[in-house]
C-alpha atoms as a PDB file:
ATOM      1  CA  MET A   1     -29.324  -2.537 -44.100  1.00  0.00           C
ATOM      2  CA  ARG A   2     -31.950  -0.798 -41.694  1.00  0.00           C
ATOM      3  CA  ARG A   3     -29.894   1.705 -39.781  1.00  0.00           C
ATOM      4  CA  ILE A   4     -30.254   1.746 -35.865  1.00  0.00           C
ATOM      5  CA  VAL A   5     -29.074   5.313 -34.598  1.00  0.00           C
ATOM      6  CA  VAL A   6     -28.314   4.972 -30.819  1.00  0.00           C
ATOM      7  CA  GLY A   7     -27.763   8.032 -28.653  1.00  0.00           C
ATOM      8  CA  THR A   8     -25.420   8.151 -25.786  1.00  0.00           C
ATOM      9  CA  ARG A   9     -23.363  10.602 -23.676  1.00  0.00           C
ATOM     10  CA  GLY A  10     -19.827  11.083 -24.943  1.00  0.00           C
ATOM     11  CA  SER A  11     -18.055   9.928 -21.230  1.00  0.00           C
ATOM     12  CA  ALA A  12     -15.639   6.845 -21.369  1.00  0.00           C
ATOM     13  CA  LEU A  13     -18.092   4.948 -19.098  1.00  0.00           C
ATOM     14  CA  ALA A  14     -20.977   6.106 -21.389  1.00  0.00           C
ATOM     15  CA  LEU A  15     -19.601   4.584 -24.400  1.00  0.00           C
ATOM     16  CA  GLU A  16     -18.562   1.429 -22.655  1.00  0.00           C
ATOM     17  CA  GLN A  17     -22.042   0.953 -21.748  1.00  0.00           C
ATOM     18  CA  THR A  18     -23.531   1.684 -25.042  1.00  0.00           C
ATOM     19  CA  GLY A  19     -21.002  -0.640 -26.364  1.00  0.00           C
ATOM     20  CA  ILE A  20     -22.166  -3.105 -24.350  1.00  0.00           C
ATOM     21  CA  VAL A  21     -25.649  -3.006 -25.488  1.00  0.00           C
ATOM     22  CA  VAL A  22     -24.713  -2.781 -29.251  1.00  0.00           C
ATOM     23  CA  GLU A  23     -22.697  -5.564 -29.225  1.00  0.00           C
ATOM     24  CA  ALA A  24     -25.281  -7.419 -27.671  1.00  0.00           C
ATOM     25  CA  LEU A  25     -27.939  -5.951 -30.201  1.00  0.00           C
ATOM     26  CA  LYS A  26     -25.647  -7.073 -33.287  1.00  0.00           C
ATOM     27  CA  ARG A  27     -25.314 -10.567 -32.147  1.00  0.00           C
ATOM     28  CA  LYS A  28     -29.438 -10.879 -31.867  1.00  0.00           C
ATOM     29  CA  TRP A  29     -29.727  -8.729 -35.138  1.00  0.00           C
ATOM     30  CA  PRO A  30     -27.179  -8.848 -37.777  1.00  0.00           C
ATOM     31  CA  LYS A  31     -29.282  -7.453 -40.599  1.00  0.00           C
ATOM     32  CA  TYR A  32     -29.404  -4.102 -38.841  1.00  0.00           C
ATOM     33  CA  ARG A  33     -26.648  -1.390 -38.904  1.00  0.00           C
ATOM     34  CA  PHE A  34     -26.171  -0.124 -35.268  1.00  0.00           C
ATOM     35  CA  GLU A  35     -24.666   3.843 -35.484  1.00  0.00           C
ATOM     36  CA  ILE A  36     -23.889   5.391 -32.434  1.00  0.00           C
ATOM     37  CA  VAL A  37     -24.251   9.349 -31.614  1.00  0.00           C
ATOM     38  CA  LYS A  38     -22.452  11.175 -28.940  1.00  0.00           C
ATOM     39  CA  LEU A  39     -24.502  13.872 -27.354  1.00  0.00           C
ATOM     40  CA  LYS A  40     -23.483  16.510 -24.848  1.00  0.00           C
ATOM     41  CA  THR A  41     -25.981  16.904 -21.832  1.00  0.00           C
ATOM     42  CA  THR A  42     -26.340  19.861 -19.436  1.00  0.00           C
ATOM     43  CA  GLY A  43     -24.696  17.803 -16.633  1.00  0.00           C
ATOM     44  CA  ASP A  44     -21.599  17.156 -18.922  1.00  0.00           C
ATOM     45  CA  HIS A  45     -21.132  20.898 -19.292  1.00  0.00           C
ATOM     46  CA  ILE A  46     -21.119  21.561 -15.773  1.00  0.00           C
ATOM     47  CA  LEU A  47     -18.318  19.902 -13.800  1.00  0.00           C
ATOM     48  CA  ASP A  48     -17.338  22.112 -11.155  1.00  0.00           C
ATOM     49  CA  VAL A  49     -20.785  22.302  -9.213  1.00  0.00           C
ATOM     50  CA  ALA A  50     -22.099  19.427  -6.749  1.00  0.00           C
ATOM     51  CA  LEU A  51     -25.154  17.895  -8.424  1.00  0.00           C
ATOM     52  CA  ALA A  52     -27.484  18.821  -5.662  1.00  0.00           C
ATOM     53  CA  LYS A  53     -27.111  22.101  -6.253  1.00  0.00           C
ATOM     54  CA  ILE A  54     -27.615  22.319 -10.057  1.00  0.00           C
ATOM     55  CA  GLY A  55     -31.146  20.560  -9.590  1.00  0.00           C
ATOM     56  CA  ASP A  56     -31.684  16.784 -11.076  1.00  0.00           C
ATOM     57  CA  LYS A  57     -34.422  16.850 -13.650  1.00  0.00           C
ATOM     58  CA  GLY A  58     -32.848  15.165 -16.635  1.00  0.00           C
ATOM     59  CA  LEU A  59     -29.290  16.566 -16.172  1.00  0.00           C
ATOM     60  CA  PHE A  60     -27.812  13.349 -18.139  1.00  0.00           C
ATOM     61  CA  THR A  61     -30.895  12.525 -20.165  1.00  0.00           C
ATOM     62  CA  LYS A  62     -32.988  15.722 -21.467  1.00  0.00           C
ATOM     63  CA  GLU A  63     -30.842  16.271 -24.519  1.00  0.00           C
ATOM     64  CA  LEU A  64     -30.810  12.415 -25.539  1.00  0.00           C
ATOM     65  CA  GLU A  65     -34.906  12.507 -25.006  1.00  0.00           C
ATOM     66  CA  ALA A  66     -35.154  15.539 -26.957  1.00  0.00           C
ATOM     67  CA  ALA A  67     -33.357  13.884 -29.753  1.00  0.00           C
ATOM     68  CA  LEU A  68     -35.505  10.837 -29.363  1.00  0.00           C
ATOM     69  CA  LEU A  69     -38.571  12.876 -29.591  1.00  0.00           C
ATOM     70  CA  LYS A  70     -37.116  14.597 -32.853  1.00  0.00           C
ATOM     71  CA  LYS A  71     -36.459  10.954 -34.381  1.00  0.00           C
ATOM     72  CA  GLU A  72     -33.050  11.907 -34.549  1.00  0.00           C
ATOM     73  CA  ILE A  73     -31.902   8.879 -32.756  1.00  0.00           C
ATOM     74  CA  ASP A  74     -33.531   5.765 -32.361  1.00  0.00           C
ATOM     75  CA  LEU A  75     -32.796   4.720 -28.662  1.00  0.00           C
ATOM     76  CA  ALA A  76     -31.114   6.267 -25.960  1.00  0.00           C
ATOM     77  CA  VAL A  77     -28.689   4.289 -23.614  1.00  0.00           C
ATOM     78  CA  HIS A  78     -28.693   5.700 -19.827  1.00  0.00           C
ATOM     79  CA  SER A  79     -27.042   4.552 -16.708  1.00  0.00           C
ATOM     80  CA  LEU A  80     -30.383   4.013 -15.017  1.00  0.00           C
ATOM     81  CA  LYS A  81     -29.690   5.823 -11.917  1.00  0.00           C
ATOM     82  CA  ASP A  82     -29.480   9.142 -13.969  1.00  0.00           C
ATOM     83  CA  VAL A  83     -33.043   8.724 -15.319  1.00  0.00           C
ATOM     84  CA  PRO A  84     -35.834  10.653 -13.600  1.00  0.00           C
ATOM     85  CA  THR A  85     -38.541   8.347 -12.486  1.00  0.00           C
ATOM     86  CA  VAL A  86     -41.170  10.438 -14.724  1.00  0.00           C
ATOM     87  CA  LEU A  87     -40.350  10.373 -18.289  1.00  0.00           C
ATOM     88  CA  PRO A  88     -41.454  12.517 -20.851  1.00  0.00           C
ATOM     89  CA  GLU A  89     -44.634  11.942 -22.765  1.00  0.00           C
ATOM     90  CA  GLY A  90     -44.099   9.418 -25.604  1.00  0.00           C
ATOM     91  CA  LEU A  91     -41.154   8.072 -24.066  1.00  0.00           C
ATOM     92  CA  VAL A  92     -40.415   4.781 -22.047  1.00  0.00           C
ATOM     93  CA  ILE A  93     -37.762   2.329 -21.026  1.00  0.00           C
ATOM     94  CA  GLY A  94     -38.428  -0.460 -23.454  1.00  0.00           C
ATOM     95  CA  ALA A  95     -35.146  -2.680 -21.972  1.00  0.00           C
ATOM     96  CA  VAL A  96     -32.849  -2.993 -18.725  1.00  0.00           C
ATOM     97  CA  PHE A  97     -29.801  -4.845 -19.463  1.00  0.00           C
ATOM     98  CA  ARG A  98     -28.430  -7.367 -16.980  1.00  0.00           C
ATOM     99  CA  ARG A  99     -27.615  -5.610 -13.937  1.00  0.00           C
ATOM    100  CA  GLU A 100     -23.925  -5.476 -12.473  1.00  0.00           C
ATOM    101  CA  TYR A 101     -23.299  -5.526  -9.188  1.00  0.00           C
ATOM    102  CA  PRO A 102     -25.180  -2.239  -7.848  1.00  0.00           C
ATOM    103  CA  GLY A 103     -23.075  -1.357  -4.357  1.00  0.00           C
ATOM    104  CA  ASP A 104     -20.680   1.347  -3.550  1.00  0.00           C
ATOM    105  CA  VAL A 105     -17.058   1.052  -3.051  1.00  0.00           C
ATOM    106  CA  LEU A 106     -14.507   2.676  -0.939  1.00  0.00           C
ATOM    107  CA  ILE A 107     -11.032   3.621  -2.767  1.00  0.00           C
ATOM    108  CA  SER A 108      -8.309   4.985  -0.323  1.00  0.00           C
ATOM    109  CA  SER A 109      -5.015   5.853  -1.071  1.00  0.00           C
ATOM    110  CA  SER A 110      -3.861   4.560   2.265  1.00  0.00           C
ATOM    111  CA  GLY A 111      -5.690   1.060   1.646  1.00  0.00           C
ATOM    112  CA  ALA A 112      -7.280   1.334   4.661  1.00  0.00           C
ATOM    113  CA  THR A 113     -11.231  -0.268   4.719  1.00  0.00           C
ATOM    114  CA  LEU A 114     -13.896   2.558   6.062  1.00  0.00           C
ATOM    115  CA  ASP A 115     -13.820   1.254   9.897  1.00  0.00           C
ATOM    116  CA  ALA A 116     -10.043   1.779   9.627  1.00  0.00           C
ATOM    117  CA  LEU A 117      -9.859   5.375   8.229  1.00  0.00           C
ATOM    118  CA  PRO A 118      -8.540   7.701  11.235  1.00  0.00           C
ATOM    119  CA  PRO A 119     -10.860  10.532  12.175  1.00  0.00           C
ATOM    120  CA  GLY A 120     -10.814  13.265   9.785  1.00  0.00           C
ATOM    121  CA  THR A 121     -10.197  11.302   6.743  1.00  0.00           C
ATOM    122  CA  ARG A 122     -10.965  13.224   3.585  1.00  0.00           C
ATOM    123  CA  VAL A 123     -13.688  11.199   1.716  1.00  0.00           C
ATOM    124  CA  GLY A 124     -14.933  12.558  -1.861  1.00  0.00           C
ATOM    125  CA  THR A 125     -18.393  11.287  -3.002  1.00  0.00           C
ATOM    126  CA  SER A 126     -20.678  12.837  -5.389  1.00  0.00           C
ATOM    127  CA  SER A 127     -23.835  11.949  -4.363  1.00  0.00           C
ATOM    128  CA  LEU A 128     -25.786  13.441  -1.000  1.00  0.00           C
ATOM    129  CA  ARG A 129     -26.922   9.769  -0.592  1.00  0.00           C
ATOM    130  CA  ARG A 130     -23.446   8.609   0.128  1.00  0.00           C
ATOM    131  CA  GLU A 131     -22.556  11.609   2.277  1.00  0.00           C
ATOM    132  CA  ALA A 132     -25.765  11.140   4.364  1.00  0.00           C
ATOM    133  CA  GLN A 133     -24.894   7.585   4.993  1.00  0.00           C
ATOM    134  CA  LEU A 134     -21.176   7.744   5.603  1.00  0.00           C
ATOM    135  CA  ARG A 135     -22.050  10.801   8.195  1.00  0.00           C
ATOM    136  CA  HIS A 136     -24.777   8.524   9.928  1.00  0.00           C
ATOM    137  CA  TYR A 137     -21.831   5.702  10.494  1.00  0.00           C
ATOM    138  CA  ARG A 138     -18.864   7.816  10.857  1.00  0.00           C
ATOM    139  CA  PRO A 139     -19.690  11.092  11.514  1.00  0.00           C
ATOM    140  CA  ASP A 140     -15.980  12.123  12.510  1.00  0.00           C
ATOM    141  CA  LEU A 141     -14.820  11.571   8.528  1.00  0.00           C
ATOM    142  CA  GLN A 142     -14.385  14.950   6.599  1.00  0.00           C
ATOM    143  CA  ILE A 143     -17.047  14.371   3.622  1.00  0.00           C
ATOM    144  CA  SER A 144     -16.550  16.571   0.575  1.00  0.00           C
ATOM    145  CA  PRO A 145     -18.701  16.500  -3.064  1.00  0.00           C
ATOM    146  CA  VAL A 146     -16.221  15.694  -6.021  1.00  0.00           C
ATOM    147  CA  ARG A 147     -17.340  16.150  -9.425  1.00  0.00           C
ATOM    148  CA  GLY A 148     -15.953  14.902 -12.843  1.00  0.00           C
ATOM    149  CA  ASN A 149     -15.887  11.282 -14.760  1.00  0.00           C
ATOM    150  CA  LEU A 150     -13.981   8.148 -12.735  1.00  0.00           C
ATOM    151  CA  THR A 151     -10.588   8.976 -14.047  1.00  0.00           C
ATOM    152  CA  THR A 152     -10.707  12.873 -13.042  1.00  0.00           C
ATOM    153  CA  ARG A 153     -11.587  11.869  -9.506  1.00  0.00           C
ATOM    154  CA  LEU A 154      -9.110   9.106  -9.232  1.00  0.00           C
ATOM    155  CA  GLU A 155      -6.370  11.694 -10.089  1.00  0.00           C
ATOM    156  CA  LYS A 156      -7.822  13.905  -7.257  1.00  0.00           C
ATOM    157  CA  LEU A 157      -7.180  11.010  -5.211  1.00  0.00           C
ATOM    158  CA  ARG A 158      -3.862  10.448  -6.618  1.00  0.00           C
ATOM    159  CA  SER A 159      -2.663  14.131  -6.337  1.00  0.00           C
ATOM    160  CA  GLY A 160      -4.002  14.557  -2.428  1.00  0.00           C
ATOM    161  CA  SER A 161      -6.888  16.540  -2.469  1.00  0.00           C
ATOM    162  CA  PHE A 162      -8.838  13.168  -1.345  1.00  0.00           C
ATOM    163  CA  ASP A 163      -7.698  10.567   0.947  1.00  0.00           C
ATOM    164  CA  ALA A 164     -10.532   8.298  -0.365  1.00  0.00           C
ATOM    165  CA  LEU A 165     -13.223   8.311  -2.443  1.00  0.00           C
ATOM    166  CA  VAL A 166     -16.744   6.304  -2.303  1.00  0.00           C
ATOM    167  CA  LEU A 167     -17.899   5.390  -6.104  1.00  0.00           C
ATOM    168  CA  ALA A 168     -20.137   3.040  -7.559  1.00  0.00           C
ATOM    169  CA  TRP A 169     -18.830  -0.553  -8.615  1.00  0.00           C
ATOM    170  CA  ALA A 170     -20.269  -0.953 -11.754  1.00  0.00           C
ATOM    171  CA  GLY A 171     -18.758   2.059 -13.558  1.00  0.00           C
ATOM    172  CA  MET A 172     -15.178   0.896 -11.918  1.00  0.00           C
ATOM    173  CA  ALA A 173     -15.987  -2.677 -13.119  1.00  0.00           C
ATOM    174  CA  ARG A 174     -16.827  -1.892 -16.874  1.00  0.00           C
ATOM    175  CA  LEU A 175     -13.881   0.671 -17.230  1.00  0.00           C
ATOM    176  CA  GLY A 176     -11.501  -2.383 -16.199  1.00  0.00           C
ATOM    177  CA  LEU A 177     -10.545   0.040 -12.990  1.00  0.00           C
ATOM    178  CA  GLU A 178     -11.501  -2.924 -10.064  1.00  0.00           C
ATOM    179  CA  GLY A 179      -7.845  -3.058  -8.928  1.00  0.00           C
ATOM    180  CA  TYR A 180      -8.583   0.476  -7.481  1.00  0.00           C
ATOM    181  CA  VAL A 181     -11.035  -0.707  -5.235  1.00  0.00           C
ATOM    182  CA  THR A 182     -10.560  -1.252  -1.219  1.00  0.00           C
ATOM    183  CA  GLN A 183     -13.651  -2.534  -0.074  1.00  0.00           C
ATOM    184  CA  ARG A 184     -17.051  -3.210  -1.190  1.00  0.00           C
ATOM    185  CA  LEU A 185     -19.341  -1.212   1.461  1.00  0.00           C
ATOM    186  CA  PRO A 186     -21.879  -3.703   2.776  1.00  0.00           C
ATOM    187  CA  TYR A 187     -25.396  -2.644   1.917  1.00  0.00           C
ATOM    188  CA  SER A 188     -26.052  -2.601   5.523  1.00  0.00           C
ATOM    189  CA  LEU A 189     -24.019   0.346   5.882  1.00  0.00           C
ATOM    190  CA  CYS A 190     -24.673   1.917   2.187  1.00  0.00           C
ATOM    191  CA  LEU A 191     -27.773   1.407   0.304  1.00  0.00           C
ATOM    192  CA  PRO A 192     -27.076   2.144  -3.556  1.00  0.00           C
ATOM    193  CA  ALA A 193     -28.644   4.798  -5.915  1.00  0.00           C
ATOM    194  CA  VAL A 194     -32.122   3.957  -7.285  1.00  0.00           C
ATOM    195  CA  GLY A 195     -31.062   2.104 -10.567  1.00  0.00           C
ATOM    196  CA  GLN A 196     -27.560   1.791 -10.051  1.00  0.00           C
ATOM    197  CA  GLY A 197     -25.479  -0.937 -11.534  1.00  0.00           C
ATOM    198  CA  ALA A 198     -28.491  -1.115 -14.279  1.00  0.00           C
ATOM    199  CA  ILE A 199     -28.101   0.166 -18.179  1.00  0.00           C
ATOM    200  CA  GLY A 200     -31.652   1.462 -19.393  1.00  0.00           C
ATOM    201  CA  VAL A 201     -32.487   1.484 -23.127  1.00  0.00           C
ATOM    202  CA  GLU A 202     -35.219   4.309 -23.782  1.00  0.00           C
ATOM    203  CA  ILE A 203     -37.190   4.562 -26.992  1.00  0.00           C
ATOM    204  CA  ARG A 204     -40.290   5.978 -28.217  1.00  0.00           C
ATOM    205  CA  ALA A 205     -43.524   4.663 -26.918  1.00  0.00           C
ATOM    206  CA  ASP A 206     -45.057   4.006 -30.545  1.00  0.00           C
ATOM    207  CA  ASP A 207     -41.946   2.652 -31.959  1.00  0.00           C
ATOM    208  CA  GLN A 208     -42.699  -0.937 -32.385  1.00  0.00           C
ATOM    209  CA  GLU A 209     -39.725  -2.131 -34.490  1.00  0.00           C
ATOM    210  CA  VAL A 210     -37.448  -0.807 -32.245  1.00  0.00           C
ATOM    211  CA  ALA A 211     -39.277  -2.232 -29.362  1.00  0.00           C
ATOM    212  CA  ARG A 212     -39.055  -5.373 -30.876  1.00  0.00           C
ATOM    213  CA  ILE A 213     -35.206  -5.250 -31.486  1.00  0.00           C
ATOM    214  CA  ILE A 214     -34.294  -4.419 -28.030  1.00  0.00           C
ATOM    215  CA  GLU A 215     -36.954  -7.170 -26.164  1.00  0.00           C
ATOM    216  CA  GLY A 216     -34.259  -9.723 -26.375  1.00  0.00           C
ATOM    217  CA  ILE A 217     -31.560  -7.841 -24.308  1.00  0.00           C
ATOM    218  CA  ASP A 218     -34.299  -7.221 -21.335  1.00  0.00           C
ATOM    219  CA  ASP A 219     -33.287  -8.995 -18.091  1.00  0.00           C
ATOM    220  CA  ALA A 220     -36.269  -9.736 -16.387  1.00  0.00           C
ATOM    221  CA  ASP A 221     -35.168  -9.725 -12.708  1.00  0.00           C
ATOM    222  CA  SER A 222     -32.898  -6.641 -13.339  1.00  0.00           C
ATOM    223  CA  SER A 223     -36.203  -4.823 -14.651  1.00  0.00           C
ATOM    224  CA  ALA A 224     -38.704  -6.014 -11.952  1.00  0.00           C
ATOM    225  CA  GLU A 225     -35.600  -4.690  -9.452  1.00  0.00           C
ATOM    226  CA  VAL A 226     -35.102  -1.144 -10.746  1.00  0.00           C
ATOM    227  CA  SER A 227     -39.397  -1.119 -11.411  1.00  0.00           C
ATOM    228  CA  ALA A 228     -39.652  -1.298  -7.727  1.00  0.00           C
ATOM    229  CA  GLU A 229     -36.643   0.907  -6.485  1.00  0.00           C
ATOM    230  CA  ARG A 230     -38.036   3.658  -9.101  1.00  0.00           C
ATOM    231  CA  ALA A 231     -41.677   3.329  -7.600  1.00  0.00           C
ATOM    232  CA  PHE A 232     -40.017   3.742  -4.581  1.00  0.00           C
ATOM    233  CA  MET A 233     -38.236   7.011  -5.413  1.00  0.00           C
ATOM    234  CA  ARG A 234     -41.246   8.351  -7.269  1.00  0.00           C
ATOM    235  CA  ARG A 235     -43.535   8.122  -4.429  1.00  0.00           C
ATOM    236  CA  LEU A 236     -40.834   9.884  -2.341  1.00  0.00           C
ATOM    237  CA  GLU A 237     -40.623  12.365  -5.002  1.00  0.00           C
ATOM    238  CA  GLY A 238     -36.767  12.091  -4.297  1.00  0.00           C
ATOM    239  CA  GLY A 239     -33.872  12.513  -6.873  1.00  0.00           C
ATOM    240  CA  CYS A 240     -30.153  13.671  -6.274  1.00  0.00           C
ATOM    241  CA  GLN A 241     -31.177  16.483  -4.011  1.00  0.00           C
ATOM    242  CA  VAL A 242     -32.422  14.343  -1.429  1.00  0.00           C
ATOM    243  CA  PRO A 243     -30.699  11.465   0.498  1.00  0.00           C
ATOM    244  CA  VAL A 244     -32.471   8.214  -0.634  1.00  0.00           C
ATOM    245  CA  GLY A 245     -31.320   4.782  -1.219  1.00  0.00           C
ATOM    246  CA  ALA A 246     -32.646   1.518  -2.285  1.00  0.00           C
ATOM    247  CA  LEU A 247     -32.117  -1.601  -3.570  1.00  0.00           C
ATOM    248  CA  ALA A 248     -34.564  -4.427  -4.722  1.00  0.00           C
ATOM    249  CA  ARG A 249     -33.304  -7.909  -5.464  1.00  0.00           C
ATOM    250  CA  VAL A 250     -35.124 -10.916  -6.751  1.00  0.00           C
ATOM    251  CA  ILE A 251     -34.810 -14.426  -5.528  1.00  0.00           C
ATOM    252  CA  ASP A 252     -36.717 -17.258  -7.647  1.00  0.00           C
ATOM    253  CA  SER A 253     -40.200 -15.583  -7.538  1.00  0.00           C
ATOM    254  CA  GLU A 254     -39.955 -13.475  -4.888  1.00  0.00           C
ATOM    255  CA  LEU A 255     -38.647  -9.590  -4.793  1.00  0.00           C
ATOM    256  CA  THR A 256     -37.333  -7.496  -1.535  1.00  0.00           C
ATOM    257  CA  ILE A 257     -36.563  -4.160  -1.683  1.00  0.00           C
ATOM    258  CA  GLU A 258     -34.779  -1.878   1.239  1.00  0.00           C
ATOM    259  CA  GLY A 259     -34.977   1.536   1.193  1.00  0.00           C
ATOM    260  CA  MET A 260     -33.679   4.836   3.257  1.00  0.00           C
ATOM    261  CA  VAL A 261     -34.491   8.056   3.486  1.00  0.00           C
ATOM    262  CA  SER A 262     -32.166  10.820   5.572  1.00  0.00           C
ATOM    263  CA  ASP A 263     -31.620  14.066   6.273  1.00  0.00           C
ATOM    264  CA  LEU A 264     -28.113  15.858   5.189  1.00  0.00           C
ATOM    265  CA  GLU A 265     -26.333  15.041   8.376  1.00  0.00           C
ATOM    266  CA  GLY A 266     -26.944  11.290   8.613  1.00  0.00           C
ATOM    267  CA  ARG A 267     -28.862  12.239  11.946  1.00  0.00           C
ATOM    268  CA  ARG A 268     -32.376  11.087  11.111  1.00  0.00           C
ATOM    269  CA  LEU A 269     -32.238   8.319   8.898  1.00  0.00           C
ATOM    270  CA  PHE A 270     -35.093   6.181   8.303  1.00  0.00           C
ATOM    271  CA  ARG A 271     -34.746   2.846   6.962  1.00  0.00           C
ATOM    272  CA  GLY A 272     -36.714  -0.359   6.028  1.00  0.00           C
ATOM    273  CA  ARG A 273     -37.970  -3.127   3.850  1.00  0.00           C
ATOM    274  CA  GLU A 274     -40.953  -4.995   1.921  1.00  0.00           C
ATOM    275  CA  SER A 275     -40.906  -8.137   0.422  1.00  0.00           C
ATOM    276  CA  GLY A 276     -43.592  -9.943  -1.997  1.00  0.00           C
ATOM    277  CA  PRO A 277     -44.141 -11.347  -5.289  1.00  0.00           C
ATOM    278  CA  VAL A 278     -42.289  -9.932  -8.306  1.00  0.00           C
ATOM    279  CA  ILE A 279     -45.041  -9.408 -10.122  1.00  0.00           C
ATOM    280  CA  GLU A 280     -45.970  -6.871  -7.453  1.00  0.00           C
ATOM    281  CA  ALA A 281     -42.762  -4.962  -7.803  1.00  0.00           C
ATOM    282  CA  GLU A 282     -44.032  -1.390  -8.189  1.00  0.00           C
ATOM    283  CA  GLY A 283     -46.412  -2.068  -5.499  1.00  0.00           C
ATOM    284  CA  LEU A 284     -43.644  -3.092  -2.903  1.00  0.00           C
ATOM    285  CA  GLY A 285     -41.660   0.120  -3.599  1.00  0.00           C
ATOM    286  CA  VAL A 286     -44.924   2.269  -3.213  1.00  0.00           C
ATOM    287  CA  ARG A 287     -45.425   0.574   0.024  1.00  0.00           C
ATOM    288  CA  LEU A 288     -41.699   0.664   1.218  1.00  0.00           C
ATOM    289  CA  ALA A 289     -42.009   4.491   0.475  1.00  0.00           C
ATOM    290  CA  GLU A 290     -45.351   5.083   2.261  1.00  0.00           C
ATOM    291  CA  ARG A 291     -43.937   3.110   5.526  1.00  0.00           C
ATOM    292  CA  LEU A 292     -40.837   5.304   5.700  1.00  0.00           C
ATOM    293  CA  LEU A 293     -42.915   8.575   5.113  1.00  0.00           C
ATOM    294  CA  ALA A 294     -44.806   7.318   8.020  1.00  0.00           C
ATOM    295  CA  MET A 295     -41.810   6.821  10.001  1.00  0.00           C
ATOM    296  CA  GLY A 296     -40.983  10.315  10.090  1.00  0.00           C
ATOM    297  CA  ALA A 297     -39.286  10.627   6.536  1.00  0.00           C
ATOM    298  CA  ALA A 298     -42.177  13.046   5.457  1.00  0.00           C
ATOM    299  CA  GLU A 299     -41.232  15.485   8.276  1.00  0.00           C
ATOM    300  CA  VAL A 300     -37.338  15.215   6.539  1.00  0.00           C
ATOM    301  CA  LEU A 301     -38.369  15.498   2.967  1.00  0.00           C
ATOM    302  CA  ARG A 302     -40.231  18.496   3.521  1.00  0.00           C
ATOM    303  CA  ALA A 303     -37.422  20.204   5.477  1.00  0.00           C
ATOM    304  CA  LEU A 304     -35.146  19.156   2.561  1.00  0.00           C
ATOM    305  CA  ARG A 305     -37.254  21.144   0.033  1.00  0.00           C
ATOM    306  CA  GLY A 306     -38.118  24.007   2.147  1.00  0.00           C
ATOM    307  CA  GLU A 307     -41.490  23.168   2.356  1.00  0.00           C
ATOM    308  CA  PRO A 308     -43.517  24.492   5.709  1.00  0.00           C
ATOM    309  CA  LEU A 309     -43.749  21.539   8.308  1.00  0.00           C
ATOM    310  CA  ARG A 310     -47.424  20.507   9.407  1.00  0.00           C
ATOM    311  CA  GLN A 311     -48.585  21.549  12.398  1.00  0.00           C
END
């Protein structure tokens, strides 16, 4: 029986997502034996520093990609929001599993919704994107970074380190933690991270056998959506060090993508949308990025990167 080695991070969420993919592959390909191998990434080793201060080039993917290129594993399963928009040469995203609801959620110890939180409420979040959008909407809240896996963050909430958390719905749902959720934050208030809620399967570009195996678990709509979002991010040259959010949605043969770019304080926030045929997914993402850059996002991004402003 041919063995297919599947690489993943070792967190509970990563293993759950990998299990979802492997079970789907087993059903389609019973003649193959799928073996899961856990690898530690740079991001798994650094748990006490905000992601934006570490750098964002493959924090949770680099070691898995190295194993792919060395042929130590045959495919890698990722949360697509962790995957840089430019992949190492020789690697491709071979499939995108059907996307979970991609939005963010609020978990508050008091059960209060975002609008009902008292001024000064301590809210923990792991991303500058959420922080900027929350500051834009509720500048009276006290927003602070929080690291660790989901259970660690929930424990920090229970211990009183924070009064509320903002997390992705997808991780909560996949670990059966939906009962903690106080409120799904509307997209009008908080756009998700690029690729949030989607599971990506990365493979070697020349591995035709594995490409054929995973082809059947690719969801066409989810793939088009994340293609548009990743093109948007790639044109902006964004990452976890820049407050950028995007959400693409496919309805019939039409794709609509919304995107935002903000400064760290949420004072200068640029937002727009583009729509068009699904087959133009990447082009729509680029077009939206160009629109926001022209609106003033280019100046904000240069300032965030410490680049000199144009005269």
